[in-house]
C-alpha atoms as a PDB file:
ATOM      1  CA  MET A   1      16.004   6.450  -3.600  1.00  0.00           C
ATOM      2  CA  ILE A   2      12.513   7.588  -2.542  1.00  0.00           C
ATOM      3  CA  THR A   3      11.599   4.049  -1.558  1.00  0.00           C
ATOM      4  CA  LEU A   4      14.702   3.777   0.584  1.00  0.00           C
ATOM      5  CA  VAL A   5      13.895   7.090   2.282  1.00  0.00           C
ATOM      6  CA  ILE A   6      10.349   5.894   3.043  1.00  0.00           C
ATOM      7  CA  VAL A   7      11.716   2.623   4.438  1.00  0.00           C
ATOM      8  CA  ILE A   8      14.174   4.450   6.684  1.00  0.00           C
ATOM      9  CA  ILE A   9      11.645   6.999   7.975  1.00  0.00           C
ATOM     10  CA  THR A  10       9.001   4.332   8.579  1.00  0.00           C
ATOM     11  CA  SER A  11      11.474   2.087  10.373  1.00  0.00           C
ATOM     12  CA  LEU A  12      12.720   4.889  12.618  1.00  0.00           C
ATOM     13  CA  ILE A  13       9.230   6.030  13.605  1.00  0.00           C
ATOM     14  CA  SER A  14       8.034   2.461  14.149  1.00  0.00           C
ATOM     15  CA  VAL A  15      10.983   1.560  16.378  1.00  0.00           C
ATOM     16  CA  LEU A  16      10.548   4.796  18.336  1.00  0.00           C
ATOM     17  CA  ALA A  17       6.861   4.019  18.814  1.00  0.00           C
ATOM     18  CA  PHE A  18       7.705   0.497  20.026  1.00  0.00           C
ATOM     19  CA  ARG A  19       9.446   2.178  22.941  1.00  0.00           C
ATOM     20  CA  GLN A  20       6.932   4.960  23.512  1.00  0.00           C
ATOM     21  CA  ASN A  21       3.351   3.789  23.850  1.00  0.00           C
ATOM     22  CA  GLU A  22       2.107   7.361  24.051  1.00  0.00           C
ATOM     23  CA  LEU A  23       3.515   8.109  20.614  1.00  0.00           C
ATOM     24  CA  PHE A  24       2.059   4.874  19.260  1.00  0.00           C
ATOM     25  CA  HIS A  25      -1.461   5.739  20.427  1.00  0.00           C
ATOM     26  CA  ARG A  26      -1.119   9.328  19.266  1.00  0.00           C
ATOM     27  CA  LEU A  27      -0.382   8.325  15.683  1.00  0.00           C
ATOM     28  CA  ASP A  28      -2.407   5.127  15.115  1.00  0.00           C
ATOM     29  CA  LEU A  29      -5.495   4.845  12.923  1.00  0.00           C
ATOM     30  CA  SER A  30      -8.378   5.446  15.312  1.00  0.00           C
ATOM     31  CA  PRO A  31     -11.568   5.907  13.261  1.00  0.00           C
ATOM     32  CA  ALA A  32     -13.527   7.258  16.227  1.00  0.00           C
ATOM     33  CA  ARG A  33     -10.935   9.959  16.890  1.00  0.00           C
ATOM     34  CA  ILE A  34     -10.712  10.808  13.204  1.00  0.00           C
ATOM     35  CA  VAL A  35     -14.474  11.199  12.807  1.00  0.00           C
ATOM     36  CA  HIS A  36     -15.524  12.595  16.173  1.00  0.00           C
ATOM     37  CA  LYS A  37     -12.389  14.509  17.213  1.00  0.00           C
ATOM     38  CA  ARG A  38     -11.252  15.482  13.715  1.00  0.00           C
ATOM     39  CA  GLN A  39      -7.756  14.086  14.153  1.00  0.00           C
ATOM     40  CA  TYR A  40      -7.385  13.677  10.410  1.00  0.00           C
ATOM     41  CA  TYR A  41      -3.607  13.372  10.524  1.00  0.00           C
ATOM     42  CA  ARG A  42      -4.043   9.788  11.758  1.00  0.00           C
ATOM     43  CA  ILE A  43      -5.141   8.796   8.256  1.00  0.00           C
ATOM     44  CA  PHE A  44      -1.498   9.214   7.215  1.00  0.00           C
ATOM     45  CA  THR A  45       0.551   8.769  10.381  1.00  0.00           C
ATOM     46  CA  HIS A  46      -0.650   5.225  11.062  1.00  0.00           C
ATOM     47  CA  ALA A  47       1.256   4.035   7.989  1.00  0.00           C
ATOM     48  CA  PHE A  48       4.532   4.854   9.723  1.00  0.00           C
ATOM     49  CA  LEU A  49       3.731   2.591  12.679  1.00  0.00           C
ATOM     50  CA  HIS A  50       3.789  -1.197  12.920  1.00  0.00           C
ATOM     51  CA  ALA A  51       2.567  -3.769  15.398  1.00  0.00           C
ATOM     52  CA  ASP A  52       5.953  -5.421  15.900  1.00  0.00           C
ATOM     53  CA  TYR A  53       9.348  -5.982  14.287  1.00  0.00           C
ATOM     54  CA  PHE A  54       8.089  -8.851  12.118  1.00  0.00           C
ATOM     55  CA  HIS A  55       5.237  -6.714  10.756  1.00  0.00           C
ATOM     56  CA  LEU A  56       7.681  -3.881  10.094  1.00  0.00           C
ATOM     57  CA  GLY A  57      10.283  -6.138   8.490  1.00  0.00           C
ATOM     58  CA  ILE A  58       7.878  -7.826   6.079  1.00  0.00           C
ATOM     59  CA  ASN A  59       6.283  -4.574   4.950  1.00  0.00           C
ATOM     60  CA  MET A  60       9.583  -2.790   4.436  1.00  0.00           C
ATOM     61  CA  LEU A  61      11.158  -5.737   2.608  1.00  0.00           C
ATOM     62  CA  VAL A  62       8.227  -5.937   0.188  1.00  0.00           C
ATOM     63  CA  LEU A  63       8.116  -2.163  -0.217  1.00  0.00           C
ATOM     64  CA  TYR A  64      11.809  -1.917  -1.016  1.00  0.00           C
ATOM     65  CA  SER A  65      11.703  -4.865  -3.427  1.00  0.00           C
ATOM     66  CA  PHE A  66       8.757  -3.660  -5.486  1.00  0.00           C
ATOM     67  CA  GLY A  67       9.018   0.073  -4.844  1.00  0.00           C
ATOM     68  CA  SER A  68      12.481   0.329  -6.378  1.00  0.00           C
ATOM     69  CA  TYR A  69      11.105  -1.182  -9.583  1.00  0.00           C
ATOM     70  CA  VAL A  70       8.025   1.070  -9.669  1.00  0.00           C
ATOM     71  CA  GLU A  71      10.232   4.117  -9.110  1.00  0.00           C
ATOM     72  CA  LYS A  72      12.204   3.199 -12.231  1.00  0.00           C
ATOM     73  CA  ILE A  73       8.996   2.768 -14.221  1.00  0.00           C
ATOM     74  CA  PHE A  74       7.785   6.221 -13.211  1.00  0.00           C
ATOM     75  CA  ALA A  75      11.192   7.648 -14.128  1.00  0.00           C
ATOM     76  CA  ASP A  76      10.824   6.054 -17.581  1.00  0.00           C
ATOM     77  CA  LEU A  77       7.335   7.546 -17.947  1.00  0.00           C
ATOM     78  CA  GLU A  78       8.831  10.954 -17.171  1.00  0.00           C
ATOM     79  CA  ALA A  79      11.587  10.411 -19.736  1.00  0.00           C
ATOM     80  CA  GLN A  80       8.924   9.537 -22.325  1.00  0.00           C
ATOM     81  CA  GLY A  81       7.065  12.753 -21.542  1.00  0.00           C
ATOM     82  CA  LEU A  82       3.964  10.957 -20.262  1.00  0.00           C
ATOM     83  CA  ILE A  83       4.223  12.516 -16.781  1.00  0.00           C
ATOM     84  CA  PHE A  84       6.053  15.640 -15.647  1.00  0.00           C
ATOM     85  CA  SER A  85       7.791  14.099 -12.637  1.00  0.00           C
ATOM     86  CA  GLY A  86       8.404  10.470 -11.741  1.00  0.00           C
ATOM     87  CA  PRO A  87       9.308  11.142  -8.080  1.00  0.00           C
ATOM     88  CA  PHE A  88       6.272  13.385  -7.555  1.00  0.00           C
ATOM     89  CA  PHE A  89       3.813  10.807  -8.850  1.00  0.00           C
ATOM     90  CA  TYR A  90       5.504   7.981  -6.973  1.00  0.00           C
ATOM     91  CA  ILE A  91       5.092   9.911  -3.713  1.00  0.00           C
ATOM     92  CA  LEU A  92       1.523  10.747  -4.744  1.00  0.00           C
ATOM     93  CA  LEU A  93       0.827   7.040  -5.313  1.00  0.00           C
ATOM     94  CA  TYR A  94       2.108   6.207  -1.844  1.00  0.00           C
ATOM     95  CA  ALA A  95       0.242   9.042  -0.106  1.00  0.00           C
ATOM     96  CA  CYS A  96      -3.050   8.472  -1.926  1.00  0.00           C
ATOM     97  CA  SER A  97      -2.973   4.750  -1.250  1.00  0.00           C
ATOM     98  CA  ILE A  98      -2.459   5.363   2.481  1.00  0.00           C
ATOM     99  CA  ALA A  99      -5.490   7.646   2.600  1.00  0.00           C
ATOM    100  CA  LEU A 100      -7.828   5.792   0.252  1.00  0.00           C
ATOM    101  CA  ALA A 101      -7.027   2.380   1.726  1.00  0.00           C
ATOM    102  CA  SER A 102      -8.169   3.751   5.094  1.00  0.00           C
ATOM    103  CA  VAL A 103     -11.564   5.077   3.983  1.00  0.00           C
ATOM    104  CA  SER A 104     -13.500   1.831   4.377  1.00  0.00           C
ATOM    105  CA  THR A 105     -11.897   1.175   7.780  1.00  0.00           C
ATOM    106  CA  VAL A 106     -12.725   4.647   9.065  1.00  0.00           C
ATOM    107  CA  THR A 107     -16.299   4.341   7.802  1.00  0.00           C
ATOM    108  CA  ARG A 108     -16.796   0.874   9.229  1.00  0.00           C
ATOM    109  CA  TYR A 109     -15.357   1.538  12.700  1.00  0.00           C
ATOM    110  CA  ARG A 110     -16.137   5.239  13.112  1.00  0.00           C
ATOM    111  CA  ASN A 111     -18.142   4.621  16.295  1.00  0.00           C
ATOM    112  CA  ASP A 112     -15.868   1.976  17.792  1.00  0.00           C
ATOM    113  CA  GLU A 113     -13.605   3.790  20.236  1.00  0.00           C
ATOM    114  CA  ALA A 114     -11.642   0.613  20.971  1.00  0.00           C
ATOM    115  CA  TYR A 115     -10.617  -0.015  17.357  1.00  0.00           C
ATOM    116  CA  SER A 116      -7.227   1.045  16.055  1.00  0.00           C
ATOM    117  CA  ALA A 117      -4.947  -0.052  13.244  1.00  0.00           C
ATOM    118  CA  VAL A 118      -1.347   0.516  12.187  1.00  0.00           C
ATOM    119  CA  GLY A 119       0.889  -0.391   9.289  1.00  0.00           C
ATOM    120  CA  ALA A 120       1.862   0.549   5.755  1.00  0.00           C
ATOM    121  CA  SER A 121       0.194  -2.524   4.265  1.00  0.00           C
ATOM    122  CA  GLY A 122      -2.333  -0.539   2.230  1.00  0.00           C
ATOM    123  CA  ALA A 123       0.392   1.548   0.610  1.00  0.00           C
ATOM    124  CA  VAL A 124       2.651  -1.469   0.150  1.00  0.00           C
ATOM    125  CA  SER A 125      -0.202  -3.301  -1.574  1.00  0.00           C
ATOM    126  CA  ALA A 126      -0.601  -0.323  -3.886  1.00  0.00           C
ATOM    127  CA  VAL A 127       3.063  -0.410  -4.854  1.00  0.00           C
ATOM    128  CA  VAL A 128       2.916  -4.169  -5.505  1.00  0.00           C
ATOM    129  CA  PHE A 129      -0.161  -3.794  -7.704  1.00  0.00           C
ATOM    130  CA  SER A 130       1.402  -0.945  -9.677  1.00  0.00           C
ATOM    131  CA  TYR A 131       4.237  -3.383 -10.327  1.00  0.00           C
ATOM    132  CA  ILE A 132       1.694  -6.002 -11.433  1.00  0.00           C
ATOM    133  CA  PHE A 133       0.108  -3.474 -13.795  1.00  0.00           C
ATOM    134  CA  PHE A 134       3.403  -2.992 -15.635  1.00  0.00           C
ATOM    135  CA  ALA A 135       4.701  -6.560 -15.283  1.00  0.00           C
ATOM    136  CA  PRO A 136       1.644  -8.837 -15.104  1.00  0.00           C
ATOM    137  CA  LEU A 137       3.502 -12.012 -16.078  1.00  0.00           C
ATOM    138  CA  GLU A 138       6.540 -11.566 -13.849  1.00  0.00           C
ATOM    139  CA  LYS A 139       6.658 -14.133 -11.056  1.00  0.00           C
ATOM    140  CA  ILE A 140       5.661 -13.197  -7.519  1.00  0.00           C
ATOM    141  CA  TYR A 141       6.127 -15.656  -4.692  1.00  0.00           C
ATOM    142  CA  PHE A 142       2.727 -16.635  -3.287  1.00  0.00           C
ATOM    143  CA  TYR A 143       3.148 -16.969   0.486  1.00  0.00           C
ATOM    144  CA  MET A 144       6.868 -16.469  -0.256  1.00  0.00           C
ATOM    145  CA  VAL A 145       7.045 -20.071  -1.505  1.00  0.00           C
ATOM    146  CA  LEU A 146       5.210 -20.648  -4.792  1.00  0.00           C
ATOM    147  CA  PRO A 147       6.211 -18.475  -7.805  1.00  0.00           C
ATOM    148  CA  ILE A 148       3.160 -17.519  -9.876  1.00  0.00           C
ATOM    149  CA  PRO A 149       2.473 -14.817 -12.508  1.00  0.00           C
ATOM    150  CA  GLY A 150       1.809 -11.423 -10.971  1.00  0.00           C
ATOM    151  CA  ILE A 151      -1.662 -11.129 -12.481  1.00  0.00           C
ATOM    152  CA  LEU A 152      -2.692 -14.448 -10.922  1.00  0.00           C
ATOM    153  CA  PHE A 153      -1.190 -13.402  -7.605  1.00  0.00           C
ATOM    154  CA  GLY A 154      -3.202 -10.178  -7.839  1.00  0.00           C
ATOM    155  CA  ILE A 155      -6.489 -11.967  -8.418  1.00  0.00           C
ATOM    156  CA  LEU A 156      -5.887 -14.397  -5.554  1.00  0.00           C
ATOM    157  CA  TYR A 157      -4.807 -11.553  -3.284  1.00  0.00           C
ATOM    158  CA  LEU A 158      -7.966  -9.531  -3.959  1.00  0.00           C
ATOM    159  CA  VAL A 159     -10.262 -12.510  -3.484  1.00  0.00           C
ATOM    160  CA  TYR A 160      -8.548 -13.496  -0.249  1.00  0.00           C
ATOM    161  CA  SER A 161      -8.477  -9.939   1.120  1.00  0.00           C
ATOM    162  CA  SER A 162     -12.153  -9.404   0.335  1.00  0.00           C
ATOM    163  CA  TYR A 163     -13.137 -12.697   1.953  1.00  0.00           C
ATOM    164  CA  MET A 164     -11.075 -12.118   5.090  1.00  0.00           C
ATOM    165  CA  SER A 165     -12.299  -8.546   5.408  1.00  0.00           C
ATOM    166  CA  LYS A 166     -15.891  -9.769   5.552  1.00  0.00           C
ATOM    167  CA  ARG A 167     -15.012 -12.423   8.131  1.00  0.00           C
ATOM    168  CA  SER A 168     -13.119 -10.047  10.443  1.00  0.00           C
ATOM    169  CA  SER A 169     -11.696 -13.083  12.220  1.00  0.00           C
ATOM    170  CA  ASP A 170      -8.165 -11.791  12.858  1.00  0.00           C
ATOM    171  CA  ASN A 171      -6.336  -8.594  13.726  1.00  0.00           C
ATOM    172  CA  ILE A 172      -5.272  -7.849  10.154  1.00  0.00           C
ATOM    173  CA  ASN A 173      -6.838  -4.951   8.262  1.00  0.00           C
ATOM    174  CA  HIS A 174      -7.637  -6.866   5.081  1.00  0.00           C
ATOM    175  CA  SER A 175      -9.849  -4.036   3.868  1.00  0.00           C
ATOM    176  CA  ALA A 176      -6.808  -1.743   3.677  1.00  0.00           C
ATOM    177  CA  HIS A 177      -4.953  -4.441   1.740  1.00  0.00           C
ATOM    178  CA  PHE A 178      -7.803  -4.747  -0.751  1.00  0.00           C
ATOM    179  CA  TRP A 179      -8.363  -1.054  -1.395  1.00  0.00           C
ATOM    180  CA  GLY A 180      -4.662  -0.259  -1.416  1.00  0.00           C
ATOM    181  CA  ALA A 181      -4.234  -2.886  -4.133  1.00  0.00           C
ATOM    182  CA  VAL A 182      -7.079  -1.393  -6.170  1.00  0.00           C
ATOM    183  CA  VAL A 183      -5.583   2.093  -5.907  1.00  0.00           C
ATOM    184  CA  GLY A 184      -2.179   0.823  -6.989  1.00  0.00           C
ATOM    185  CA  PHE A 185      -3.529  -0.916 -10.079  1.00  0.00           C
ATOM    186  CA  VAL A 186      -5.762   1.976 -11.175  1.00  0.00           C
ATOM    187  CA  PHE A 187      -3.238   4.731 -10.455  1.00  0.00           C
ATOM    188  CA  PRO A 188      -1.220   4.363 -13.697  1.00  0.00           C
ATOM    189  CA  LEU A 189      -4.426   4.683 -15.708  1.00  0.00           C
ATOM    190  CA  LEU A 190      -5.276   7.909 -13.908  1.00  0.00           C
ATOM    191  CA  LEU A 191      -1.869   9.269 -14.883  1.00  0.00           C
ATOM    192  CA  GLU A 192      -2.212   8.238 -18.508  1.00  0.00           C
ATOM    193  CA  PRO A 193      -5.231   6.205 -19.738  1.00  0.00           C
ATOM    194  CA  ARG A 194      -3.260   5.071 -22.788  1.00  0.00           C
ATOM    195  CA  LEU A 195      -1.088   2.958 -20.489  1.00  0.00           C
ATOM    196  CA  ILE A 196      -3.825   0.325 -20.635  1.00  0.00           C
ATOM    197  CA  SER A 197      -2.248  -0.717 -23.931  1.00  0.00           C
ATOM    198  CA  VAL A 198       1.054  -1.311 -22.097  1.00  0.00           C
ATOM    199  CA  PHE A 199      -0.707  -3.573 -19.621  1.00  0.00           C
ATOM    200  CA  PHE A 200      -2.307  -5.691 -22.355  1.00  0.00           C
ATOM    201  CA  GLU A 201       0.893  -5.826 -24.402  1.00  0.00           C
ATOM    202  CA  ASN A 202       2.750  -7.180 -21.378  1.00  0.00           C
ATOM    203  CA  LEU A 203      -0.104  -9.528 -20.478  1.00  0.00           C
ATOM    204  CA  PHE A 204      -0.351 -10.944 -24.017  1.00  0.00           C
ATOM    205  CA  PRO A 205       3.153 -10.623 -25.511  1.00  0.00           C
ATOM    206  CA  ASN A 206       3.674 -11.667 -29.108  1.00  0.00           C
END
């Protein structure tokens, strides 16, 4: 349910911003404005904007597909008494990943007034990697074509994102993808360190 609400809110704001450039530029991730004008809200609001309908559609499809599963996992953790609220920690995962995935971008482009970024990709990456943490051998479609184990997809994703971030040869914020993924994978361990045993049990089943 929470995932669906996030998808709906993000879609509505993105579509509204497509039609209102002023709103788009008021909410995007502008490191220079965050650092020098203290417009800290942009760290979060940019995740509710997207570059175009394709960008929006892909992110929301992936978020809904994996987020619904992660929501259920957090609900199970609550039922087991490992966390006090599944919905709270799911929202916390999403919010923290938005913020933490943006840190490297803000630091790197803090003096570049022309730079801006939008999209929920960092948070979506976090949700996908939380899924990988709990289901490392479940198949994920690499480039939406080749089904490979989640853990292998995760490794390839991190390597690719790191490489492309250093190249800076396109308009994609690969740094946000990378750090969002890291946050998503580590987050369950911050909730309950003993969950590492769950990861290894699922990675090396009997």
